[in-house]
Amino acid sequence: DHFKAVNDRFGHSRGDEVLRQVARAMTETAREGDLV
């Protein structure tokens, strides 16, 4: 949500970190066999 605002306010490096952490949260929550 509101990802453009994250990039605009905090910069693309923070946006990249948000994407990495969101991906990590989902892959750690997924079971083996799920594709993220």
PDB file of all heavy atoms in Angstrom:
ATOM      1  N   ASP A   1       0.822  -1.213   0.000  1.00  0.00           N
ATOM      2  CA  ASP A   1       0.000   0.000   0.000  1.00  0.00           C
ATOM      3  C   ASP A   1       0.856   1.264   0.000  1.00  0.00           C
ATOM      4  O   ASP A   1       1.863   1.341   0.717  1.00  0.00           O
ATOM      5  CB  ASP A   1      -0.911   0.006   1.235  1.00  0.00           C
ATOM      6  CG  ASP A   1      -1.920  -1.134   1.218  1.00  0.00           C
ATOM      7  OD1 ASP A   1      -2.371  -1.512   0.124  1.00  0.00           O
ATOM      8  OD2 ASP A   1      -2.255  -1.634   2.314  1.00  0.00           O
ATOM      9  N   HIS A   2       0.422   2.247  -0.796  1.00  0.00           N
ATOM     10  CA  HIS A   2       1.052   3.577  -0.839  1.00  0.00           C
ATOM     11  C   HIS A   2       2.562   3.496  -1.069  1.00  0.00           C
ATOM     12  O   HIS A   2       3.331   4.291  -0.508  1.00  0.00           O
ATOM     13  CB  HIS A   2       0.774   4.332   0.472  1.00  0.00           C
ATOM     14  CG  HIS A   2      -0.683   4.497   0.770  1.00  0.00           C
ATOM     15  ND1 HIS A   2      -1.528   5.283  -0.003  1.00  0.00           N
ATOM     16  CD2 HIS A   2      -1.453   3.980   1.765  1.00  0.00           C
ATOM     17  CE1 HIS A   2      -2.751   5.246   0.513  1.00  0.00           C
ATOM     18  NE2 HIS A   2      -2.737   4.468   1.574  1.00  0.00           N
ATOM     19  N   PHE A   3       2.987   2.567  -1.896  1.00  0.00           N
ATOM     20  CA  PHE A   3       4.427   2.370  -2.062  1.00  0.00           C
ATOM     21  C   PHE A   3       5.095   3.565  -2.746  1.00  0.00           C
ATOM     22  O   PHE A   3       6.245   3.909  -2.435  1.00  0.00           O
ATOM     23  CB  PHE A   3       4.696   1.090  -2.856  1.00  0.00           C
ATOM     24  CG  PHE A   3       6.149   0.755  -2.959  1.00  0.00           C
ATOM     25  CD1 PHE A   3       6.844   0.280  -1.857  1.00  0.00           C
ATOM     26  CD2 PHE A   3       6.828   0.932  -4.156  1.00  0.00           C
ATOM     27  CE1 PHE A   3       8.197  -0.027  -1.946  1.00  0.00           C
ATOM     28  CE2 PHE A   3       8.181   0.636  -4.249  1.00  0.00           C
ATOM     29  CZ  PHE A   3       8.862   0.158  -3.140  1.00  0.00           C
ATOM     30  N   LYS A   4       4.403   4.210  -3.657  1.00  0.00           N
ATOM     31  CA  LYS A   4       4.975   5.385  -4.323  1.00  0.00           C
ATOM     32  C   LYS A   4       5.327   6.461  -3.303  1.00  0.00           C
ATOM     33  O   LYS A   4       6.364   7.128  -3.410  1.00  0.00           O
ATOM     34  CB  LYS A   4       4.004   5.930  -5.365  1.00  0.00           C
ATOM     35  CG  LYS A   4       4.561   7.101  -6.168  1.00  0.00           C
ATOM     36  CD  LYS A   4       3.573   7.580  -7.210  1.00  0.00           C
ATOM     37  CE  LYS A   4       4.168   8.703  -8.062  1.00  0.00           C
ATOM     38  NZ  LYS A   4       4.512   9.889  -7.262  1.00  0.00           N
ATOM     39  N   ALA A   5       4.471   6.615  -2.294  1.00  0.00           N
ATOM     40  CA  ALA A   5       4.736   7.610  -1.252  1.00  0.00           C
ATOM     41  C   ALA A   5       5.987   7.258  -0.450  1.00  0.00           C
ATOM     42  O   ALA A   5       6.714   8.141   0.007  1.00  0.00           O
ATOM     43  CB  ALA A   5       3.524   7.734  -0.324  1.00  0.00           C
ATOM     44  N   VAL A   6       6.242   5.962  -0.272  1.00  0.00           N
ATOM     45  CA  VAL A   6       7.461   5.531   0.426  1.00  0.00           C
ATOM     46  C   VAL A   6       8.687   5.967  -0.359  1.00  0.00           C
ATOM     47  O   VAL A   6       9.618   6.572   0.182  1.00  0.00           O
ATOM     48  CB  VAL A   6       7.469   4.000   0.628  1.00  0.00           C
ATOM     49  CG1 VAL A   6       8.804   3.557   1.227  1.00  0.00           C
ATOM     50  CG2 VAL A   6       6.323   3.564   1.524  1.00  0.00           C
ATOM     51  N   ASN A   7       8.691   5.704  -1.655  1.00  0.00           N
ATOM     52  CA  ASN A   7       9.812   6.121  -2.510  1.00  0.00           C
ATOM     53  C   ASN A   7       9.965   7.640  -2.540  1.00  0.00           C
ATOM     54  O   ASN A   7      11.079   8.164  -2.463  1.00  0.00           O
ATOM     55  CB  ASN A   7       9.637   5.591  -3.926  1.00  0.00           C
ATOM     56  CG  ASN A   7      10.049   4.145  -4.075  1.00  0.00           C
ATOM     57  OD1 ASN A   7      10.892   3.639  -3.333  1.00  0.00           O
ATOM     58  ND2 ASN A   7       9.458   3.458  -5.023  1.00  0.00           N
ATOM     59  N   ASP A   8       8.840   8.345  -2.651  1.00  0.00           N
ATOM     60  CA  ASP A   8       8.890   9.805  -2.747  1.00  0.00           C
ATOM     61  C   ASP A   8       9.393  10.434  -1.454  1.00  0.00           C
ATOM     62  O   ASP A   8      10.153  11.404  -1.482  1.00  0.00           O
ATOM     63  CB  ASP A   8       7.505  10.364  -3.094  1.00  0.00           C
ATOM     64  CG  ASP A   8       7.076  10.028  -4.515  1.00  0.00           C
ATOM     65  OD1 ASP A   8       7.936   9.584  -5.308  1.00  0.00           O
ATOM     66  OD2 ASP A   8       5.885  10.193  -4.824  1.00  0.00           O
ATOM     67  N   ARG A   9       8.973   9.891  -0.327  1.00  0.00           N
ATOM     68  CA  ARG A   9       9.319  10.509   0.958  1.00  0.00           C
ATOM     69  C   ARG A   9      10.672  10.057   1.488  1.00  0.00           C
ATOM     70  O   ARG A   9      11.443  10.858   2.024  1.00  0.00           O
ATOM     71  CB  ARG A   9       8.228  10.182   1.987  1.00  0.00           C
ATOM     72  CG  ARG A   9       8.481  10.806   3.347  1.00  0.00           C
ATOM     73  CD  ARG A   9       7.377  10.474   4.326  1.00  0.00           C
ATOM     74  NE  ARG A   9       7.694  10.960   5.656  1.00  0.00           N
ATOM     75  CZ  ARG A   9       7.038  10.614   6.760  1.00  0.00           C
ATOM     76  NH1 ARG A   9       6.016   9.779   6.674  1.00  0.00           N
ATOM     77  NH2 ARG A   9       7.392  11.092   7.930  1.00  0.00           N
ATOM     78  N   PHE A  10      10.981   8.762   1.332  1.00  0.00           N
ATOM     79  CA  PHE A  10      12.173   8.207   1.967  1.00  0.00           C
ATOM     80  C   PHE A  10      13.280   7.827   0.985  1.00  0.00           C
ATOM     81  O   PHE A  10      14.389   7.517   1.400  1.00  0.00           O
ATOM     82  CB  PHE A  10      11.803   6.968   2.794  1.00  0.00           C
ATOM     83  CG  PHE A  10      10.863   7.253   3.923  1.00  0.00           C
ATOM     84  CD1 PHE A  10       9.508   6.973   3.802  1.00  0.00           C
ATOM     85  CD2 PHE A  10      11.325   7.796   5.113  1.00  0.00           C
ATOM     86  CE1 PHE A  10       8.630   7.228   4.847  1.00  0.00           C
ATOM     87  CE2 PHE A  10      10.465   8.046   6.159  1.00  0.00           C
ATOM     88  CZ  PHE A  10       9.105   7.773   6.027  1.00  0.00           C
ATOM     89  N   GLY A  11      12.966   7.797  -0.301  1.00  0.00           N
ATOM     90  CA  GLY A  11      13.965   7.430  -1.298  1.00  0.00           C
ATOM     91  C   GLY A  11      13.854   5.978  -1.718  1.00  0.00           C
ATOM     92  O   GLY A  11      13.254   5.145  -1.028  1.00  0.00           O
ATOM     93  N   HIS A  12      14.467   5.669  -2.861  1.00  0.00           N
ATOM     94  CA  HIS A  12      14.332   4.336  -3.438  1.00  0.00           C
ATOM     95  C   HIS A  12      15.073   3.270  -2.635  1.00  0.00           C
ATOM     96  O   HIS A  12      14.682   2.098  -2.649  1.00  0.00           O
ATOM     97  CB  HIS A  12      14.802   4.342  -4.894  1.00  0.00           C
ATOM     98  CG  HIS A  12      13.858   5.069  -5.810  1.00  0.00           C
ATOM     99  ND1 HIS A  12      12.735   4.485  -6.340  1.00  0.00           N
ATOM    100  CD2 HIS A  12      13.851   6.348  -6.259  1.00  0.00           C
ATOM    101  CE1 HIS A  12      12.081   5.349  -7.096  1.00  0.00           C
ATOM    102  NE2 HIS A  12      12.739   6.495  -7.057  1.00  0.00           N
ATOM    103  N   SER A  13      16.137   3.648  -1.946  1.00  0.00           N
ATOM    104  CA  SER A  13      16.843   2.637  -1.147  1.00  0.00           C
ATOM    105  C   SER A  13      15.960   2.133  -0.013  1.00  0.00           C
ATOM    106  O   SER A  13      15.953   0.936   0.294  1.00  0.00           O
ATOM    107  CB  SER A  13      18.157   3.190  -0.590  1.00  0.00           C
ATOM    108  OG  SER A  13      17.913   4.302   0.248  1.00  0.00           O
ATOM    109  N   ARG A  14      15.192   3.039   0.607  1.00  0.00           N
ATOM    110  CA  ARG A  14      14.239   2.600   1.642  1.00  0.00           C
ATOM    111  C   ARG A  14      13.128   1.780   1.003  1.00  0.00           C
ATOM    112  O   ARG A  14      12.688   0.784   1.572  1.00  0.00           O
ATOM    113  CB  ARG A  14      13.658   3.814   2.361  1.00  0.00           C
ATOM    114  CG  ARG A  14      12.583   3.462   3.411  1.00  0.00           C
ATOM    115  CD  ARG A  14      13.150   2.762   4.639  1.00  0.00           C
ATOM    116  NE  ARG A  14      13.921   3.686   5.433  1.00  0.00           N
ATOM    117  CZ  ARG A  14      13.392   4.491   6.377  1.00  0.00           C
ATOM    118  NH1 ARG A  14      12.101   4.460   6.632  1.00  0.00           N
ATOM    119  NH2 ARG A  14      14.160   5.286   7.061  1.00  0.00           N
ATOM    120  N   GLY A  15      12.674   2.189  -0.174  1.00  0.00           N
ATOM    121  CA  GLY A  15      11.662   1.405  -0.878  1.00  0.00           C
ATOM    122  C   GLY A  15      12.135  -0.001  -1.172  1.00  0.00           C
ATOM    123  O   GLY A  15      11.389  -0.972  -0.999  1.00  0.00           O
ATOM    124  N   ASP A  16      13.394  -0.123  -1.592  1.00  0.00           N
ATOM    125  CA  ASP A  16      13.962  -1.454  -1.846  1.00  0.00           C
ATOM    126  C   ASP A  16      13.983  -2.295  -0.571  1.00  0.00           C
ATOM    127  O   ASP A  16      13.693  -3.501  -0.602  1.00  0.00           O
ATOM    128  CB  ASP A  16      15.380  -1.339  -2.406  1.00  0.00           C
ATOM    129  CG  ASP A  16      15.405  -0.880  -3.855  1.00  0.00           C
ATOM    130  OD1 ASP A  16      14.325  -0.842  -4.485  1.00  0.00           O
ATOM    131  OD2 ASP A  16      16.503  -0.554  -4.348  1.00  0.00           O
ATOM    132  N   GLU A  17      14.323  -1.666   0.545  1.00  0.00           N
ATOM    133  CA  GLU A  17      14.363  -2.402   1.816  1.00  0.00           C
ATOM    134  C   GLU A  17      12.962  -2.847   2.221  1.00  0.00           C
ATOM    135  O   GLU A  17      12.776  -3.957   2.733  1.00  0.00           O
ATOM    136  CB  GLU A  17      14.977  -1.522   2.910  1.00  0.00           C
ATOM    137  CG  GLU A  17      15.099  -2.206   4.273  1.00  0.00           C
ATOM    138  CD  GLU A  17      15.944  -3.474   4.234  1.00  0.00           C
ATOM    139  OE1 GLU A  17      16.797  -3.622   3.333  1.00  0.00           O
ATOM    140  OE2 GLU A  17      15.737  -4.336   5.108  1.00  0.00           O
ATOM    141  N   VAL A  18      11.975  -2.010   1.978  1.00  0.00           N
ATOM    142  CA  VAL A  18      10.584  -2.398   2.262  1.00  0.00           C
ATOM    143  C   VAL A  18      10.217  -3.628   1.443  1.00  0.00           C
ATOM    144  O   VAL A  18       9.652  -4.599   1.972  1.00  0.00           O
ATOM    145  CB  VAL A  18       9.621  -1.230   1.963  1.00  0.00           C
ATOM    146  CG1 VAL A  18       8.161  -1.726   1.914  1.00  0.00           C
ATOM    147  CG2 VAL A  18       9.762  -0.135   3.009  1.00  0.00           C
ATOM    148  N   LEU A  19      10.556  -3.634   0.156  1.00  0.00           N
ATOM    149  CA  LEU A  19      10.230  -4.780  -0.697  1.00  0.00           C
ATOM    150  C   LEU A  19      10.947  -6.040  -0.223  1.00  0.00           C
ATOM    151  O   LEU A  19      10.365  -7.127  -0.202  1.00  0.00           O
ATOM    152  CB  LEU A  19      10.597  -4.483  -2.150  1.00  0.00           C
ATOM    153  CG  LEU A  19       9.765  -3.404  -2.848  1.00  0.00           C
ATOM    154  CD1 LEU A  19      10.285  -3.167  -4.256  1.00  0.00           C
ATOM    155  CD2 LEU A  19       8.288  -3.774  -2.874  1.00  0.00           C
ATOM    156  N   ARG A  20      12.210  -5.909   0.171  1.00  0.00           N
ATOM    157  CA  ARG A  20      12.952  -7.072   0.667  1.00  0.00           C
ATOM    158  C   ARG A  20      12.297  -7.636   1.925  1.00  0.00           C
ATOM    159  O   ARG A  20      12.149  -8.860   2.073  1.00  0.00           O
ATOM    160  CB  ARG A  20      14.413  -6.692   0.954  1.00  0.00           C
ATOM    161  CG  ARG A  20      15.308  -6.688  -0.260  1.00  0.00           C
ATOM    162  CD  ARG A  20      16.772  -6.590   0.112  1.00  0.00           C
ATOM    163  NE  ARG A  20      17.096  -5.284   0.670  1.00  0.00           N
ATOM    164  CZ  ARG A  20      17.568  -4.266  -0.047  1.00  0.00           C
ATOM    165  NH1 ARG A  20      17.774  -4.395  -1.343  1.00  0.00           N
ATOM    166  NH2 ARG A  20      17.853  -3.117   0.543  1.00  0.00           N
ATOM    167  N   GLN A  21      11.888  -6.753   2.834  1.00  0.00           N
ATOM    168  CA  GLN A  21      11.303  -7.218   4.091  1.00  0.00           C
ATOM    169  C   GLN A  21       9.902  -7.811   3.887  1.00  0.00           C
ATOM    170  O   GLN A  21       9.535  -8.785   4.545  1.00  0.00           O
ATOM    171  CB  GLN A  21      11.260  -6.074   5.107  1.00  0.00           C
ATOM    172  CG  GLN A  21      12.619  -5.596   5.574  1.00  0.00           C
ATOM    173  CD  GLN A  21      13.421  -6.702   6.236  1.00  0.00           C
ATOM    174  OE1 GLN A  21      12.887  -7.538   6.960  1.00  0.00           O
ATOM    175  NE2 GLN A  21      14.721  -6.724   5.979  1.00  0.00           N
ATOM    176  N   VAL A  22       9.131  -7.215   2.991  1.00  0.00           N
ATOM    177  CA  VAL A  22       7.805  -7.778   2.672  1.00  0.00           C
ATOM    178  C   VAL A  22       7.975  -9.163   2.068  1.00  0.00           C
ATOM    179  O   VAL A  22       7.266 -10.116   2.446  1.00  0.00           O
ATOM    180  CB  VAL A  22       7.029  -6.848   1.727  1.00  0.00           C
ATOM    181  CG1 VAL A  22       5.787  -7.560   1.164  1.00  0.00           C
ATOM    182  CG2 VAL A  22       6.611  -5.570   2.443  1.00  0.00           C
ATOM    183  N   ALA A  23       8.905  -9.304   1.148  1.00  0.00           N
ATOM    184  CA  ALA A  23       9.172 -10.609   0.528  1.00  0.00           C
ATOM    185  C   ALA A  23       9.605 -11.622   1.576  1.00  0.00           C
ATOM    186  O   ALA A  23       9.144 -12.770   1.581  1.00  0.00           O
ATOM    187  CB  ALA A  23      10.237 -10.471  -0.543  1.00  0.00           C
ATOM    188  N   ARG A  24      10.490 -11.205   2.476  1.00  0.00           N
ATOM    189  CA  ARG A  24      10.964 -12.113   3.532  1.00  0.00           C
ATOM    190  C   ARG A  24       9.809 -12.540   4.435  1.00  0.00           C
ATOM    191  O   ARG A  24       9.679 -13.729   4.784  1.00  0.00           O
ATOM    192  CB  ARG A  24      12.048 -11.427   4.363  1.00  0.00           C
ATOM    193  CG  ARG A  24      12.625 -12.310   5.473  1.00  0.00           C
ATOM    194  CD  ARG A  24      13.601 -11.555   6.346  1.00  0.00           C
ATOM    195  NE  ARG A  24      12.996 -10.400   6.964  1.00  0.00           N
ATOM    196  CZ  ARG A  24      12.223 -10.447   8.064  1.00  0.00           C
ATOM    197  NH1 ARG A  24      11.945 -11.608   8.628  1.00  0.00           N
ATOM    198  NH2 ARG A  24      11.711  -9.345   8.560  1.00  0.00           N
ATOM    199  N   ALA A  25       8.952 -11.594   4.813  1.00  0.00           N
ATOM    200  CA  ALA A  25       7.811 -11.916   5.680  1.00  0.00           C
ATOM    201  C   ALA A  25       6.907 -12.958   5.037  1.00  0.00           C
ATOM    202  O   ALA A  25       6.423 -13.882   5.706  1.00  0.00           O
ATOM    203  CB  ALA A  25       7.016 -10.644   5.992  1.00  0.00           C
ATOM    204  N   MET A  26       6.686 -12.834   3.736  1.00  0.00           N
ATOM    205  CA  MET A  26       5.797 -13.783   3.061  1.00  0.00           C
ATOM    206  C   MET A  26       6.467 -15.136   2.834  1.00  0.00           C
ATOM    207  O   MET A  26       5.838 -16.177   3.023  1.00  0.00           O
ATOM    208  CB  MET A  26       5.300 -13.187   1.742  1.00  0.00           C
ATOM    209  CG  MET A  26       4.351 -12.021   1.950  1.00  0.00           C
ATOM    210  SD  MET A  26       3.347 -11.637   0.487  1.00  0.00           S
ATOM    211  CE  MET A  26       4.617 -11.193  -0.682  1.00  0.00           C
ATOM    212  N   THR A  27       7.736 -15.129   2.426  1.00  0.00           N
ATOM    213  CA  THR A  27       8.402 -16.416   2.179  1.00  0.00           C
ATOM    214  C   THR A  27       8.584 -17.199   3.475  1.00  0.00           C
ATOM    215  O   THR A  27       8.508 -18.430   3.471  1.00  0.00           O
ATOM    216  CB  THR A  27       9.763 -16.215   1.485  1.00  0.00           C
ATOM    217  OG1 THR A  27      10.552 -15.287   2.237  1.00  0.00           O
ATOM    218  CG2 THR A  27       9.584 -15.700   0.076  1.00  0.00           C
ATOM    219  N   GLU A  28       8.806 -16.509   4.585  1.00  0.00           N
ATOM    220  CA  GLU A  28       8.930 -17.202   5.871  1.00  0.00           C
ATOM    221  C   GLU A  28       7.589 -17.707   6.367  1.00  0.00           C
ATOM    222  O   GLU A  28       7.528 -18.684   7.119  1.00  0.00           O
ATOM    223  CB  GLU A  28       9.569 -16.281   6.907  1.00  0.00           C
ATOM    224  CG  GLU A  28      11.044 -16.013   6.658  1.00  0.00           C
ATOM    225  CD  GLU A  28      11.682 -15.110   7.695  1.00  0.00           C
ATOM    226  OE1 GLU A  28      10.942 -14.595   8.568  1.00  0.00           O
ATOM    227  OE2 GLU A  28      12.910 -14.924   7.639  1.00  0.00           O
ATOM    228  N   THR A  29       6.506 -17.058   5.944  1.00  0.00           N
ATOM    229  CA  THR A  29       5.153 -17.481   6.354  1.00  0.00           C
ATOM    230  C   THR A  29       4.633 -18.599   5.457  1.00  0.00           C
ATOM    231  O   THR A  29       3.841 -19.441   5.896  1.00  0.00           O
ATOM    232  CB  THR A  29       4.189 -16.279   6.305  1.00  0.00           C
ATOM    233  OG1 THR A  29       4.716 -15.236   7.135  1.00  0.00           O
ATOM    234  CG2 THR A  29       2.802 -16.651   6.808  1.00  0.00           C
ATOM    235  N   ALA A  30       5.084 -18.624   4.210  1.00  0.00           N
ATOM    236  CA  ALA A  30       4.617 -19.639   3.253  1.00  0.00           C
ATOM    237  C   ALA A  30       5.112 -21.027   3.663  1.00  0.00           C
ATOM    238  O   ALA A  30       6.124 -21.168   4.337  1.00  0.00           O
ATOM    239  CB  ALA A  30       5.122 -19.301   1.848  1.00  0.00           C
ATOM    240  N   ARG A  31       4.368 -22.044   3.228  1.00  0.00           N
ATOM    241  CA  ARG A  31       4.816 -23.408   3.471  1.00  0.00           C
ATOM    242  C   ARG A  31       5.673 -23.865   2.294  1.00  0.00           C
ATOM    243  O   ARG A  31       5.693 -23.227   1.231  1.00  0.00           O
ATOM    244  CB  ARG A  31       3.615 -24.340   3.617  1.00  0.00           C
ATOM    245  CG  ARG A  31       2.843 -24.449   2.331  1.00  0.00           C
ATOM    246  CD  ARG A  31       1.766 -25.480   2.323  1.00  0.00           C
ATOM    247  NE  ARG A  31       1.220 -25.548   0.963  1.00  0.00           N
ATOM    248  CZ  ARG A  31       0.250 -26.342   0.597  1.00  0.00           C
ATOM    249  NH1 ARG A  31      -0.322 -27.142   1.455  1.00  0.00           N
ATOM    250  NH2 ARG A  31      -0.178 -26.343  -0.654  1.00  0.00           N
ATOM    251  N   GLU A  32       6.360 -24.965   2.493  1.00  0.00           N
ATOM    252  CA  GLU A  32       7.141 -25.532   1.400  1.00  0.00           C
ATOM    253  C   GLU A  32       6.200 -25.931   0.265  1.00  0.00           C
ATOM    254  O   GLU A  32       5.167 -26.550   0.484  1.00  0.00           O
ATOM    255  CB  GLU A  32       7.928 -26.749   1.888  1.00  0.00           C
ATOM    256  CG  GLU A  32       8.887 -27.308   0.865  1.00  0.00           C
ATOM    257  CD  GLU A  32       9.708 -28.473   1.403  1.00  0.00           C
ATOM    258  OE1 GLU A  32       9.626 -28.751   2.606  1.00  0.00           O
ATOM    259  OE2 GLU A  32      10.413 -29.101   0.593  1.00  0.00           O
ATOM    260  N   GLY A  33       6.542 -25.558  -0.941  1.00  0.00           N
ATOM    261  CA  GLY A  33       5.693 -25.852  -2.095  1.00  0.00           C
ATOM    262  C   GLY A  33       4.911 -24.654  -2.584  1.00  0.00           C
ATOM    263  O   GLY A  33       4.463 -24.631  -3.735  1.00  0.00           O
ATOM    264  N   ASP A  34       4.698 -23.641  -1.718  1.00  0.00           N
ATOM    265  CA  ASP A  34       4.060 -22.402  -2.161  1.00  0.00           C
ATOM    266  C   ASP A  34       5.071 -21.597  -2.974  1.00  0.00           C
ATOM    267  O   ASP A  34       6.264 -21.596  -2.669  1.00  0.00           O
ATOM    268  CB  ASP A  34       3.589 -21.571  -0.961  1.00  0.00           C
ATOM    269  CG  ASP A  34       2.493 -22.264  -0.159  1.00  0.00           C
ATOM    270  OD1 ASP A  34       1.848 -23.181  -0.703  1.00  0.00           O
ATOM    271  OD2 ASP A  34       2.295 -21.887   1.013  1.00  0.00           O
ATOM    272  N   LEU A  35       4.608 -20.890  -3.992  1.00  0.00           N
ATOM    273  CA  LEU A  35       5.491 -20.097  -4.848  1.00  0.00           C
ATOM    274  C   LEU A  35       5.230 -18.619  -4.635  1.00  0.00           C
ATOM    275  O   LEU A  35       4.125 -18.141  -4.892  1.00  0.00           O
ATOM    276  CB  LEU A  35       5.258 -20.437  -6.323  1.00  0.00           C
ATOM    277  CG  LEU A  35       6.163 -21.507  -6.935  1.00  0.00           C
ATOM    278  CD1 LEU A  35       5.888 -22.862  -6.276  1.00  0.00           C
ATOM    279  CD2 LEU A  35       5.947 -21.592  -8.418  1.00  0.00           C
ATOM    280  N   VAL A  36       6.250 -17.913  -4.150  1.00  0.00           N
ATOM    281  CA  VAL A  36       6.146 -16.471  -3.953  1.00  0.00           C
ATOM    282  C   VAL A  36       6.955 -15.789  -5.053  1.00  0.00           C
ATOM    283  O   VAL A  36       8.148 -16.031  -5.202  1.00  0.00           O
ATOM    284  CB  VAL A  36       6.673 -16.048  -2.566  1.00  0.00           C
ATOM    285  CG1 VAL A  36       6.525 -14.539  -2.382  1.00  0.00           C
ATOM    286  CG2 VAL A  36       5.941 -16.798  -1.447  1.00  0.00           C
TER     287      VAL A  36
END
